[in-house]
Every structure is written in structure tokens, then in C-alpha cells.
Full PDB file with SEQRES, HELIX, SHEET, SSBOND, CRYST1, ORIGX, SCALE, CONECT and MASTER records, all heavy atoms in Angstrom:
SEQRES   1 A   39  LEU MET ILE CYS GLU TYR ALA ARG SER LEU GLY HIS SER          
SEQRES   2 A   39  GLY ILE GLY TYR ILE VAL ARG MET ALA GLU ARG TRP ALA          
SEQRES   3 A   39  GLN ASP GLY ILE THR THR LEU GLU ASP ALA ASN ALA ARG          
HELIX    1 AA1 MET A    2  SER A    9  1                                   8    
HELIX    2 AA2 ILE A   15  GLN A   27  1                                  13    
HELIX    3 AA3 LEU A   33  ALA A   38  1                                   6    
CRYST1    1.000    1.000    1.000  90.00  90.00  90.00 P 1           1          
ORIGX1      1.000000  0.000000  0.000000        0.00000                         
ORIGX2      0.000000  1.000000  0.000000        0.00000                         
ORIGX3      0.000000  0.000000  1.000000        0.00000                         
SCALE1      1.000000  0.000000  0.000000        0.00000                         
SCALE2      0.000000  1.000000  0.000000        0.00000                         
SCALE3      0.000000  0.000000  1.000000        0.00000                         
ATOM      1  N   LEU A   1       0.836  -1.215   0.000  1.00  0.00           N  
ATOM      2  CA  LEU A   1       0.000   0.000   0.000  1.00  0.00           C  
ATOM      3  C   LEU A   1       0.866   1.258   0.000  1.00  0.00           C  
ATOM      4  O   LEU A   1       0.503   2.266  -0.621  1.00  0.00           O  
ATOM      5  CB  LEU A   1      -0.936  -0.016   1.205  1.00  0.00           C  
ATOM      6  CG  LEU A   1      -2.065  -1.058   1.156  1.00  0.00           C  
ATOM      7  CD1 LEU A   1      -2.844  -1.062   2.458  1.00  0.00           C  
ATOM      8  CD2 LEU A   1      -2.992  -0.784  -0.027  1.00  0.00           C  
ATOM      9  N   MET A   2       2.021   1.227   0.678  1.00  0.00           N  
ATOM     10  CA  MET A   2       2.934   2.378   0.656  1.00  0.00           C  
ATOM     11  C   MET A   2       3.477   2.604  -0.756  1.00  0.00           C  
ATOM     12  O   MET A   2       3.620   3.745  -1.196  1.00  0.00           O  
ATOM     13  CB  MET A   2       4.080   2.159   1.639  1.00  0.00           C  
ATOM     14  CG  MET A   2       3.696   2.317   3.093  1.00  0.00           C  
ATOM     15  SD  MET A   2       5.129   2.275   4.189  1.00  0.00           S  
ATOM     16  CE  MET A   2       5.955   3.790   3.730  1.00  0.00           C  
ATOM     17  N   ILE A   3       3.752   1.514  -1.450  1.00  0.00           N  
ATOM     18  CA  ILE A   3       4.230   1.647  -2.834  1.00  0.00           C  
ATOM     19  C   ILE A   3       3.141   2.278  -3.707  1.00  0.00           C  
ATOM     20  O   ILE A   3       3.418   3.160  -4.528  1.00  0.00           O  
ATOM     21  CB  ILE A   3       4.642   0.263  -3.389  1.00  0.00           C  
ATOM     22  CG1 ILE A   3       5.869  -0.251  -2.635  1.00  0.00           C  
ATOM     23  CG2 ILE A   3       4.921   0.341  -4.883  1.00  0.00           C  
ATOM     24  CD1 ILE A   3       6.289  -1.656  -3.036  1.00  0.00           C  
ATOM     25  N   CYS A   4       1.896   1.849  -3.524  1.00  0.00           N  
ATOM     26  CA  CYS A   4       0.784   2.429  -4.283  1.00  0.00           C  
ATOM     27  C   CYS A   4       0.636   3.922  -4.001  1.00  0.00           C  
ATOM     28  O   CYS A   4       0.418   4.726  -4.915  1.00  0.00           O  
ATOM     29  CB  CYS A   4      -0.520   1.698  -3.935  1.00  0.00           C  
ATOM     30  SG  CYS A   4      -0.588  -0.022  -4.477  1.00  0.00           S  
ATOM     31  N   GLU A   5       0.764   4.294  -2.726  1.00  0.00           N  
ATOM     32  CA  GLU A   5       0.645   5.704  -2.340  1.00  0.00           C  
ATOM     33  C   GLU A   5       1.755   6.539  -2.962  1.00  0.00           C  
ATOM     34  O   GLU A   5       1.511   7.637  -3.488  1.00  0.00           O  
ATOM     35  CB  GLU A   5       0.673   5.822  -0.820  1.00  0.00           C  
ATOM     36  CG  GLU A   5       0.550   7.247  -0.297  1.00  0.00           C  
ATOM     37  CD  GLU A   5      -0.822   7.838  -0.533  1.00  0.00           C  
ATOM     38  OE1 GLU A   5      -1.806   7.085  -0.488  1.00  0.00           O  
ATOM     39  OE2 GLU A   5      -0.898   9.057  -0.779  1.00  0.00           O  
ATOM     40  N   TYR A   6       2.987   6.044  -2.920  1.00  0.00           N  
ATOM     41  CA  TYR A   6       4.112   6.798  -3.481  1.00  0.00           C  
ATOM     42  C   TYR A   6       3.994   6.903  -5.004  1.00  0.00           C  
ATOM     43  O   TYR A   6       4.244   7.957  -5.586  1.00  0.00           O  
ATOM     44  CB  TYR A   6       5.427   6.131  -3.102  1.00  0.00           C  
ATOM     45  CG  TYR A   6       6.643   6.823  -3.684  1.00  0.00           C  
ATOM     46  CD1 TYR A   6       7.049   8.069  -3.213  1.00  0.00           C  
ATOM     47  CD2 TYR A   6       7.363   6.232  -4.720  1.00  0.00           C  
ATOM     48  CE1 TYR A   6       8.147   8.715  -3.758  1.00  0.00           C  
ATOM     49  CE2 TYR A   6       8.465   6.872  -5.263  1.00  0.00           C  
ATOM     50  CZ  TYR A   6       8.855   8.107  -4.783  1.00  0.00           C  
ATOM     51  OH  TYR A   6       9.940   8.741  -5.333  1.00  0.00           O  
ATOM     52  N   ALA A   7       3.599   5.803  -5.659  1.00  0.00           N  
ATOM     53  CA  ALA A   7       3.439   5.833  -7.122  1.00  0.00           C  
ATOM     54  C   ALA A   7       2.369   6.836  -7.527  1.00  0.00           C  
ATOM     55  O   ALA A   7       2.525   7.579  -8.501  1.00  0.00           O  
ATOM     56  CB  ALA A   7       3.101   4.437  -7.631  1.00  0.00           C  
ATOM     57  N   ARG A   8       1.253   6.873  -6.787  1.00  0.00           N  
ATOM     58  CA  ARG A   8       0.189   7.827  -7.115  1.00  0.00           C  
ATOM     59  C   ARG A   8       0.652   9.265  -6.950  1.00  0.00           C  
ATOM     60  O   ARG A   8       0.294  10.143  -7.738  1.00  0.00           O  
ATOM     61  CB  ARG A   8      -1.038   7.565  -6.236  1.00  0.00           C  
ATOM     62  CG  ARG A   8      -2.236   8.442  -6.590  1.00  0.00           C  
ATOM     63  CD  ARG A   8      -3.230   8.448  -5.450  1.00  0.00           C  
ATOM     64  NE  ARG A   8      -2.626   8.964  -4.227  1.00  0.00           N  
ATOM     65  CZ  ARG A   8      -2.469  10.258  -3.953  1.00  0.00           C  
ATOM     66  NH1 ARG A   8      -2.855  11.172  -4.819  1.00  0.00           N  
ATOM     67  NH2 ARG A   8      -1.921  10.626  -2.817  1.00  0.00           N  
ATOM     68  N   SER A   9       1.495   9.520  -5.928  1.00  0.00           N  
ATOM     69  CA  SER A   9       1.993  10.883  -5.710  1.00  0.00           C  
ATOM     70  C   SER A   9       2.870  11.359  -6.862  1.00  0.00           C  
ATOM     71  O   SER A   9       2.993  12.565  -7.102  1.00  0.00           O  
ATOM     72  CB  SER A   9       2.779  10.948  -4.397  1.00  0.00           C  
ATOM     73  OG  SER A   9       3.987  10.214  -4.498  1.00  0.00           O  
ATOM     74  N   LEU A  10       3.471  10.417  -7.598  1.00  0.00           N  
ATOM     75  CA  LEU A  10       4.294  10.768  -8.746  1.00  0.00           C  
ATOM     76  C   LEU A  10       3.501  10.803 -10.043  1.00  0.00           C  
ATOM     77  O   LEU A  10       4.050  11.113 -11.103  1.00  0.00           O  
ATOM     78  CB  LEU A  10       5.446   9.766  -8.897  1.00  0.00           C  
ATOM     79  CG  LEU A  10       6.455   9.681  -7.744  1.00  0.00           C  
ATOM     80  CD1 LEU A  10       7.501   8.613  -8.045  1.00  0.00           C  
ATOM     81  CD2 LEU A  10       7.130  11.027  -7.508  1.00  0.00           C  
ATOM     82  N   GLY A  11       2.210  10.468  -9.968  1.00  0.00           N  
ATOM     83  CA  GLY A  11       1.396  10.437 -11.170  1.00  0.00           C  
ATOM     84  C   GLY A  11       1.463   9.127 -11.913  1.00  0.00           C  
ATOM     85  O   GLY A  11       1.038   9.040 -13.065  1.00  0.00           O  
ATOM     86  N   HIS A  12       1.990   8.073 -11.267  1.00  0.00           N  
ATOM     87  CA  HIS A  12       2.087   6.743 -11.888  1.00  0.00           C  
ATOM     88  C   HIS A  12       1.142   5.793 -11.154  1.00  0.00           C  
ATOM     89  O   HIS A  12       1.541   5.090 -10.230  1.00  0.00           O  
ATOM     90  CB  HIS A  12       3.519   6.214 -11.819  1.00  0.00           C  
ATOM     91  CG  HIS A  12       4.520   7.074 -12.509  1.00  0.00           C  
ATOM     92  ND1 HIS A  12       4.584   7.206 -13.869  1.00  0.00           N  
ATOM     93  CD2 HIS A  12       5.505   7.857 -12.005  1.00  0.00           C  
ATOM     94  CE1 HIS A  12       5.565   8.029 -14.199  1.00  0.00           C  
ATOM     95  NE2 HIS A  12       6.135   8.444 -13.087  1.00  0.00           N  
ATOM     96  N   SER A  13      -0.108   5.776 -11.567  1.00  0.00           N  
ATOM     97  CA  SER A  13      -1.080   4.913 -10.899  1.00  0.00           C  
ATOM     98  C   SER A  13      -1.277   3.594 -11.630  1.00  0.00           C  
ATOM     99  O   SER A  13      -2.111   2.787 -11.220  1.00  0.00           O  
ATOM    100  CB  SER A  13      -2.431   5.635 -10.783  1.00  0.00           C  
ATOM    101  OG  SER A  13      -2.901   6.017 -12.077  1.00  0.00           O  
ATOM    102  N   GLY A  14      -0.522   3.346 -12.700  1.00  0.00           N  
ATOM    103  CA  GLY A  14      -0.629   2.089 -13.419  1.00  0.00           C  
ATOM    104  C   GLY A  14      -0.004   0.952 -12.644  1.00  0.00           C  
ATOM    105  O   GLY A  14       0.975   1.129 -11.910  1.00  0.00           O  
ATOM    106  N   ILE A  15      -0.544  -0.249 -12.840  1.00  0.00           N  
ATOM    107  CA  ILE A  15      -0.052  -1.400 -12.086  1.00  0.00           C  
ATOM    108  C   ILE A  15       1.353  -1.778 -12.501  1.00  0.00           C  
ATOM    109  O   ILE A  15       2.125  -2.336 -11.707  1.00  0.00           O  
ATOM    110  CB  ILE A  15      -1.022  -2.605 -12.263  1.00  0.00           C  
ATOM    111  CG1 ILE A  15      -0.630  -3.758 -11.330  1.00  0.00           C  
ATOM    112  CG2 ILE A  15      -1.060  -3.046 -13.710  1.00  0.00           C  
ATOM    113  CD1 ILE A  15      -0.670  -3.398  -9.872  1.00  0.00           C  
ATOM    114  N   GLY A  16       1.758  -1.482 -13.752  1.00  0.00           N  
ATOM    115  CA  GLY A  16       3.111  -1.816 -14.201  1.00  0.00           C  
ATOM    116  C   GLY A  16       4.180  -1.110 -13.395  1.00  0.00           C  
ATOM    117  O   GLY A  16       5.184  -1.723 -12.994  1.00  0.00           O  
ATOM    118  N   TYR A  17       3.999   0.197 -13.133  1.00  0.00           N  
ATOM    119  CA  TYR A  17       4.962   0.959 -12.332  1.00  0.00           C  
ATOM    120  C   TYR A  17       5.013   0.424 -10.905  1.00  0.00           C  
ATOM    121  O   TYR A  17       6.087   0.289 -10.310  1.00  0.00           O  
ATOM    122  CB  TYR A  17       4.573   2.433 -12.352  1.00  0.00           C  
ATOM    123  CG  TYR A  17       5.584   3.356 -11.702  1.00  0.00           C  
ATOM    124  CD1 TYR A  17       6.595   3.933 -12.447  1.00  0.00           C  
ATOM    125  CD2 TYR A  17       5.515   3.644 -10.340  1.00  0.00           C  
ATOM    126  CE1 TYR A  17       7.528   4.778 -11.858  1.00  0.00           C  
ATOM    127  CE2 TYR A  17       6.444   4.477  -9.741  1.00  0.00           C  
ATOM    128  CZ  TYR A  17       7.450   5.045 -10.510  1.00  0.00           C  
ATOM    129  OH  TYR A  17       8.381   5.873  -9.911  1.00  0.00           O  
ATOM    130  N   ILE A  18       3.846   0.106 -10.351  1.00  0.00           N  
ATOM    131  CA  ILE A  18       3.780  -0.395  -8.972  1.00  0.00           C  
ATOM    132  C   ILE A  18       4.496  -1.733  -8.857  1.00  0.00           C  
ATOM    133  O   ILE A  18       5.257  -1.981  -7.906  1.00  0.00           O  
ATOM    134  CB  ILE A  18       2.314  -0.510  -8.537  1.00  0.00           C  
ATOM    135  CG1 ILE A  18       1.683   0.893  -8.443  1.00  0.00           C  
ATOM    136  CG2 ILE A  18       2.189  -1.234  -7.197  1.00  0.00           C  
ATOM    137  CD1 ILE A  18       0.181   0.879  -8.229  1.00  0.00           C  
ATOM    138  N   VAL A  19       4.308  -2.605  -9.830  1.00  0.00           N  
ATOM    139  CA  VAL A  19       4.939  -3.932  -9.787  1.00  0.00           C  
ATOM    140  C   VAL A  19       6.449  -3.813  -9.911  1.00  0.00           C  
ATOM    141  O   VAL A  19       7.203  -4.503  -9.203  1.00  0.00           O  
ATOM    142  CB  VAL A  19       4.355  -4.829 -10.898  1.00  0.00           C  
ATOM    143  CG1 VAL A  19       5.212  -6.078 -11.085  1.00  0.00           C  
ATOM    144  CG2 VAL A  19       2.925  -5.225 -10.555  1.00  0.00           C  
ATOM    145  N   ARG A  20       6.935  -2.948 -10.811  1.00  0.00           N  
ATOM    146  CA  ARG A  20       8.389  -2.784 -10.970  1.00  0.00           C  
ATOM    147  C   ARG A  20       9.035  -2.274  -9.688  1.00  0.00           C  
ATOM    148  O   ARG A  20      10.123  -2.721  -9.305  1.00  0.00           O  
ATOM    149  CB  ARG A  20       8.686  -1.832 -12.132  1.00  0.00           C  
ATOM    150  CG  ARG A  20       8.452  -2.446 -13.500  1.00  0.00           C  
ATOM    151  CD  ARG A  20       9.059  -1.587 -14.597  1.00  0.00           C  
ATOM    152  NE  ARG A  20       8.443  -0.262 -14.665  1.00  0.00           N  
ATOM    153  CZ  ARG A  20       7.355   0.016 -15.378  1.00  0.00           C  
ATOM    154  NH1 ARG A  20       6.750  -0.949 -16.077  1.00  0.00           N  
ATOM    155  NH2 ARG A  20       6.866   1.235 -15.411  1.00  0.00           N  
ATOM    156  N   MET A  21       8.359  -1.360  -8.998  1.00  0.00           N  
ATOM    157  CA  MET A  21       8.898  -0.865  -7.735  1.00  0.00           C  
ATOM    158  C   MET A  21       8.862  -1.959  -6.671  1.00  0.00           C  
ATOM    159  O   MET A  21       9.813  -2.101  -5.881  1.00  0.00           O  
ATOM    160  CB  MET A  21       8.109   0.356  -7.270  1.00  0.00           C  
ATOM    161  CG  MET A  21       8.662   0.980  -5.986  1.00  0.00           C  
ATOM    162  SD  MET A  21       7.846   2.532  -5.553  1.00  0.00           S  
ATOM    163  CE  MET A  21       8.508   3.589  -6.822  1.00  0.00           C  
ATOM    164  N   ALA A  22       7.800  -2.747  -6.660  1.00  0.00           N  
ATOM    165  CA  ALA A  22       7.702  -3.843  -5.687  1.00  0.00           C  
ATOM    166  C   ALA A  22       8.805  -4.875  -5.927  1.00  0.00           C  
ATOM    167  O   ALA A  22       9.408  -5.390  -4.970  1.00  0.00           O  
ATOM    168  CB  ALA A  22       6.324  -4.493  -5.777  1.00  0.00           C  
ATOM    169  N   GLU A  23       9.088  -5.188  -7.183  1.00  0.00           N  
ATOM    170  CA  GLU A  23      10.162  -6.132  -7.492  1.00  0.00           C  
ATOM    171  C   GLU A  23      11.511  -5.594  -7.040  1.00  0.00           C  
ATOM    172  O   GLU A  23      12.352  -6.344  -6.525  1.00  0.00           O  
ATOM    173  CB  GLU A  23      10.175  -6.412  -8.998  1.00  0.00           C  
ATOM    174  CG  GLU A  23       8.978  -7.220  -9.476  1.00  0.00           C  
ATOM    175  CD  GLU A  23       8.901  -7.320 -10.988  1.00  0.00           C  
ATOM    176  OE1 GLU A  23       9.541  -6.484 -11.678  1.00  0.00           O  
ATOM    177  OE2 GLU A  23       8.199  -8.210 -11.498  1.00  0.00           O  
ATOM    178  N   ARG A  24      11.729  -4.291  -7.225  1.00  0.00           N  
ATOM    179  CA  ARG A  24      12.989  -3.680  -6.804  1.00  0.00           C  
ATOM    180  C   ARG A  24      13.122  -3.712  -5.289  1.00  0.00           C  
ATOM    181  O   ARG A  24      14.199  -4.017  -4.759  1.00  0.00           O  
ATOM    182  CB  ARG A  24      13.049  -2.234  -7.313  1.00  0.00           C  
ATOM    183  CG  ARG A  24      14.318  -1.487  -6.965  1.00  0.00           C  
ATOM    184  CD  ARG A  24      15.506  -2.065  -7.712  1.00  0.00           C  
ATOM    185  NE  ARG A  24      16.712  -1.339  -7.423  1.00  0.00           N  
ATOM    186  CZ  ARG A  24      17.127  -0.281  -8.120  1.00  0.00           C  
ATOM    187  NH1 ARG A  24      16.419   0.160  -9.146  1.00  0.00           N  
ATOM    188  NH2 ARG A  24      18.255   0.322  -7.811  1.00  0.00           N  
ATOM    189  N   TRP A  25      12.063  -3.419  -4.585  1.00  0.00           N  
ATOM    190  CA  TRP A  25      12.095  -3.434  -3.126  1.00  0.00           C  
ATOM    191  C   TRP A  25      12.338  -4.846  -2.604  1.00  0.00           C  
ATOM    192  O   TRP A  25      13.085  -5.045  -1.642  1.00  0.00           O  
ATOM    193  CB  TRP A  25      10.786  -2.883  -2.557  1.00  0.00           C  
ATOM    194  CG  TRP A  25      10.689  -1.380  -2.626  1.00  0.00           C  
ATOM    195  CD1 TRP A  25      11.322  -0.562  -3.522  1.00  0.00           C  
ATOM    196  CD2 TRP A  25       9.922  -0.534  -1.783  1.00  0.00           C  
ATOM    197  NE1 TRP A  25      10.992   0.749  -3.303  1.00  0.00           N  
ATOM    198  CE2 TRP A  25      10.122   0.800  -2.236  1.00  0.00           C  
ATOM    199  CE3 TRP A  25       9.065  -0.746  -0.726  1.00  0.00           C  
ATOM    200  CZ2 TRP A  25       9.515   1.892  -1.640  1.00  0.00           C  
ATOM    201  CZ3 TRP A  25       8.443   0.345  -0.127  1.00  0.00           C  
ATOM    202  CH2 TRP A  25       8.673   1.647  -0.574  1.00  0.00           C  
ATOM    203  N   ALA A  26      11.704  -5.824  -3.229  1.00  0.00           N  
ATOM    204  CA  ALA A  26      11.907  -7.209  -2.805  1.00  0.00           C  
ATOM    205  C   ALA A  26      13.346  -7.633  -3.033  1.00  0.00           C  
ATOM    206  O   ALA A  26      13.938  -8.337  -2.206  1.00  0.00           O  
ATOM    207  CB  ALA A  26      10.954  -8.133  -3.563  1.00  0.00           C  
ATOM    208  N   GLN A  27      13.946  -7.201  -4.153  1.00  0.00           N  
ATOM    209  CA  GLN A  27      15.340  -7.523  -4.435  1.00  0.00           C  
ATOM    210  C   GLN A  27      16.269  -6.869  -3.412  1.00  0.00           C  
ATOM    211  O   GLN A  27      17.297  -7.448  -3.035  1.00  0.00           O  
ATOM    212  CB  GLN A  27      15.696  -7.053  -5.849  1.00  0.00           C  
ATOM    213  CG  GLN A  27      17.089  -7.413  -6.309  1.00  0.00           C  
ATOM    214  CD  GLN A  27      17.260  -8.910  -6.527  1.00  0.00           C  
ATOM    215  OE1 GLN A  27      16.277  -9.621  -6.696  1.00  0.00           O  
ATOM    216  NE2 GLN A  27      18.492  -9.384  -6.505  1.00  0.00           N  
ATOM    217  N   ASP A  28      15.924  -5.675  -2.943  1.00  0.00           N  
ATOM    218  CA  ASP A  28      16.743  -4.955  -1.959  1.00  0.00           C  
ATOM    219  C   ASP A  28      16.447  -5.374  -0.526  1.00  0.00           C  
ATOM    220  O   ASP A  28      17.053  -4.836   0.406  1.00  0.00           O  
ATOM    221  CB  ASP A  28      16.523  -3.446  -2.107  1.00  0.00           C  
ATOM    222  CG  ASP A  28      17.035  -2.920  -3.438  1.00  0.00           C  
ATOM    223  OD1 ASP A  28      17.827  -3.628  -4.084  1.00  0.00           O  
ATOM    224  OD2 ASP A  28      16.632  -1.804  -3.847  1.00  0.00           O  
ATOM    225  N   GLY A  29      15.512  -6.280  -0.334  1.00  0.00           N  
ATOM    226  CA  GLY A  29      15.212  -6.770   1.008  1.00  0.00           C  
ATOM    227  C   GLY A  29      14.356  -5.834   1.836  1.00  0.00           C  
ATOM    228  O   GLY A  29      14.394  -5.888   3.077  1.00  0.00           O  
ATOM    229  N   ILE A  30      13.592  -4.973   1.208  1.00  0.00           N  
ATOM    230  CA  ILE A  30      12.725  -4.032   1.933  1.00  0.00           C  
ATOM    231  C   ILE A  30      11.373  -4.709   2.135  1.00  0.00           C  
ATOM    232  O   ILE A  30      10.543  -4.760   1.217  1.00  0.00           O  
ATOM    233  CB  ILE A  30      12.568  -2.714   1.155  1.00  0.00           C  
ATOM    234  CG1 ILE A  30      13.934  -2.058   0.973  1.00  0.00           C  
ATOM    235  CG2 ILE A  30      11.622  -1.760   1.873  1.00  0.00           C  
ATOM    236  CD1 ILE A  30      13.929  -0.831   0.106  1.00  0.00           C  
ATOM    237  N   THR A  31      11.175  -5.240   3.315  1.00  0.00           N  
ATOM    238  CA  THR A  31       9.942  -5.985   3.597  1.00  0.00           C  
ATOM    239  C   THR A  31       9.189  -5.443   4.809  1.00  0.00           C  
ATOM    240  O   THR A  31       8.018  -5.779   5.004  1.00  0.00           O  
ATOM    241  CB  THR A  31      10.264  -7.473   3.834  1.00  0.00           C  
ATOM    242  OG1 THR A  31      11.229  -7.586   4.894  1.00  0.00           O  
ATOM    243  CG2 THR A  31      10.831  -8.116   2.568  1.00  0.00           C  
ATOM    244  N   THR A  32       9.833  -4.620   5.645  1.00  0.00           N  
ATOM    245  CA  THR A  32       9.187  -4.099   6.847  1.00  0.00           C  
ATOM    246  C   THR A  32       8.790  -2.639   6.644  1.00  0.00           C  
ATOM    247  O   THR A  32       9.284  -1.957   5.737  1.00  0.00           O  
ATOM    248  CB  THR A  32      10.131  -4.202   8.054  1.00  0.00           C  
ATOM    249  OG1 THR A  32      11.264  -3.343   7.843  1.00  0.00           O  
ATOM    250  CG2 THR A  32      10.621  -5.627   8.240  1.00  0.00           C  
ATOM    251  N   LEU A  33       7.910  -2.147   7.528  1.00  0.00           N  
ATOM    252  CA  LEU A  33       7.470  -0.753   7.439  1.00  0.00           C  
ATOM    253  C   LEU A  33       8.620   0.216   7.707  1.00  0.00           C  
ATOM    254  O   LEU A  33       8.684   1.288   7.112  1.00  0.00           O  
ATOM    255  CB  LEU A  33       6.334  -0.507   8.439  1.00  0.00           C  
ATOM    256  CG  LEU A  33       4.932  -0.955   8.002  1.00  0.00           C  
ATOM    257  CD1 LEU A  33       3.932  -0.720   9.118  1.00  0.00           C  
ATOM    258  CD2 LEU A  33       4.500  -0.212   6.745  1.00  0.00           C  
ATOM    259  N   GLU A  34       9.526  -0.164   8.626  1.00  0.00           N  
ATOM    260  CA  GLU A  34      10.661   0.713   8.915  1.00  0.00           C  
ATOM    261  C   GLU A  34      11.541   0.884   7.675  1.00  0.00           C  
ATOM    262  O   GLU A  34      11.946   2.004   7.323  1.00  0.00           O  
ATOM    263  CB  GLU A  34      11.483   0.143  10.070  1.00  0.00           C  
ATOM    264  CG  GLU A  34      10.798   0.176  11.420  1.00  0.00           C  
ATOM    265  CD  GLU A  34       9.752  -0.921  11.582  1.00  0.00           C  
ATOM    266  OE1 GLU A  34       9.685  -1.810  10.694  1.00  0.00           O  
ATOM    267  OE2 GLU A  34       9.003  -0.879  12.569  1.00  0.00           O  
ATOM    268  N   ASP A  35      11.843  -0.226   7.013  1.00  0.00           N  
ATOM    269  CA  ASP A  35      12.648  -0.142   5.797  1.00  0.00           C  
ATOM    270  C   ASP A  35      11.923   0.631   4.704  1.00  0.00           C  
ATOM    271  O   ASP A  35      12.537   1.404   3.954  1.00  0.00           O  
ATOM    272  CB  ASP A  35      12.989  -1.550   5.291  1.00  0.00           C  
ATOM    273  CG  ASP A  35      13.879  -2.313   6.258  1.00  0.00           C  
ATOM    274  OD1 ASP A  35      14.568  -1.654   7.066  1.00  0.00           O  
ATOM    275  OD2 ASP A  35      13.888  -3.557   6.209  1.00  0.00           O  
ATOM    276  N   ALA A  36      10.613   0.420   4.607  1.00  0.00           N  
ATOM    277  CA  ALA A  36       9.838   1.114   3.581  1.00  0.00           C  
ATOM    278  C   ALA A  36       9.818   2.614   3.826  1.00  0.00           C  
ATOM    279  O   ALA A  36       9.940   3.420   2.895  1.00  0.00           O  
ATOM    280  CB  ALA A  36       8.417   0.562   3.541  1.00  0.00           C  
ATOM    281  N   ASN A  37       9.661   3.023   5.085  1.00  0.00           N  
ATOM    282  CA  ASN A  37       9.666   4.453   5.406  1.00  0.00           C  
ATOM    283  C   ASN A  37      11.018   5.086   5.076  1.00  0.00           C  
ATOM    284  O   ASN A  37      11.085   6.209   4.555  1.00  0.00           O  
ATOM    285  CB  ASN A  37       9.333   4.658   6.885  1.00  0.00           C  
ATOM    286  CG  ASN A  37       7.854   4.514   7.168  1.00  0.00           C  
ATOM    287  OD1 ASN A  37       7.020   4.948   6.375  1.00  0.00           O  
ATOM    288  ND2 ASN A  37       7.506   3.896   8.286  1.00  0.00           N  
ATOM    289  N   ALA A  38      12.097   4.356   5.388  1.00  0.00           N  
ATOM    290  CA  ALA A  38      13.431   4.879   5.071  1.00  0.00           C  
ATOM    291  C   ALA A  38      13.627   5.008   3.569  1.00  0.00           C  
ATOM    292  O   ALA A  38      14.200   5.993   3.087  1.00  0.00           O  
ATOM    293  CB  ALA A  38      14.503   3.965   5.676  1.00  0.00           C  
ATOM    294  N   ARG A  39      13.156   4.025   2.790  1.00  0.00           N  
ATOM    295  CA  ARG A  39      13.305   4.104   1.337  1.00  0.00           C  
ATOM    296  C   ARG A  39      12.455   5.245   0.756  1.00  0.00           C  
ATOM    297  O   ARG A  39      12.914   5.961  -0.143  1.00  0.00           O  
ATOM    298  CB  ARG A  39      12.906   2.772   0.718  1.00  0.00           C  
ATOM    299  CG  ARG A  39      12.883   2.752  -0.809  1.00  0.00           C  
ATOM    300  CD  ARG A  39      14.217   3.164  -1.431  1.00  0.00           C  
ATOM    301  NE  ARG A  39      15.278   2.255  -1.140  1.00  0.00           N  
ATOM    302  CZ  ARG A  39      15.599   1.208  -1.915  1.00  0.00           C  
ATOM    303  NH1 ARG A  39      14.909   0.954  -3.001  1.00  0.00           N  
ATOM    304  NH2 ARG A  39      16.613   0.450  -1.589  1.00  0.00           N  
TER     305      ARG A  39                                                      
MASTER        0    0    0    3    0    0    0    6  304    1    0    3          
END                                                                             
């Protein structure tokens, strides 16, 4: 949901942008709210 909120703030509400960011976060090990807030 944080990824969706950030993508919408940039004007990217498409699911493709959201998925690419989610894949990048998963690769970087960002799985908790603390890590997400820092990113």
C-alpha cells in the first residue's frame, strides 16, 4: 500500500509501475514498514 501511495503521488497509478517498484524493493530486502519508510 505504501508503494501504491508513493506511485500515485508521482502520477504513476498504473499497475506496471507499482509492480516494478515492488520487485525492486523485494530484491533490496525491503519488507518491513521501517525499511519502507526509510526508502
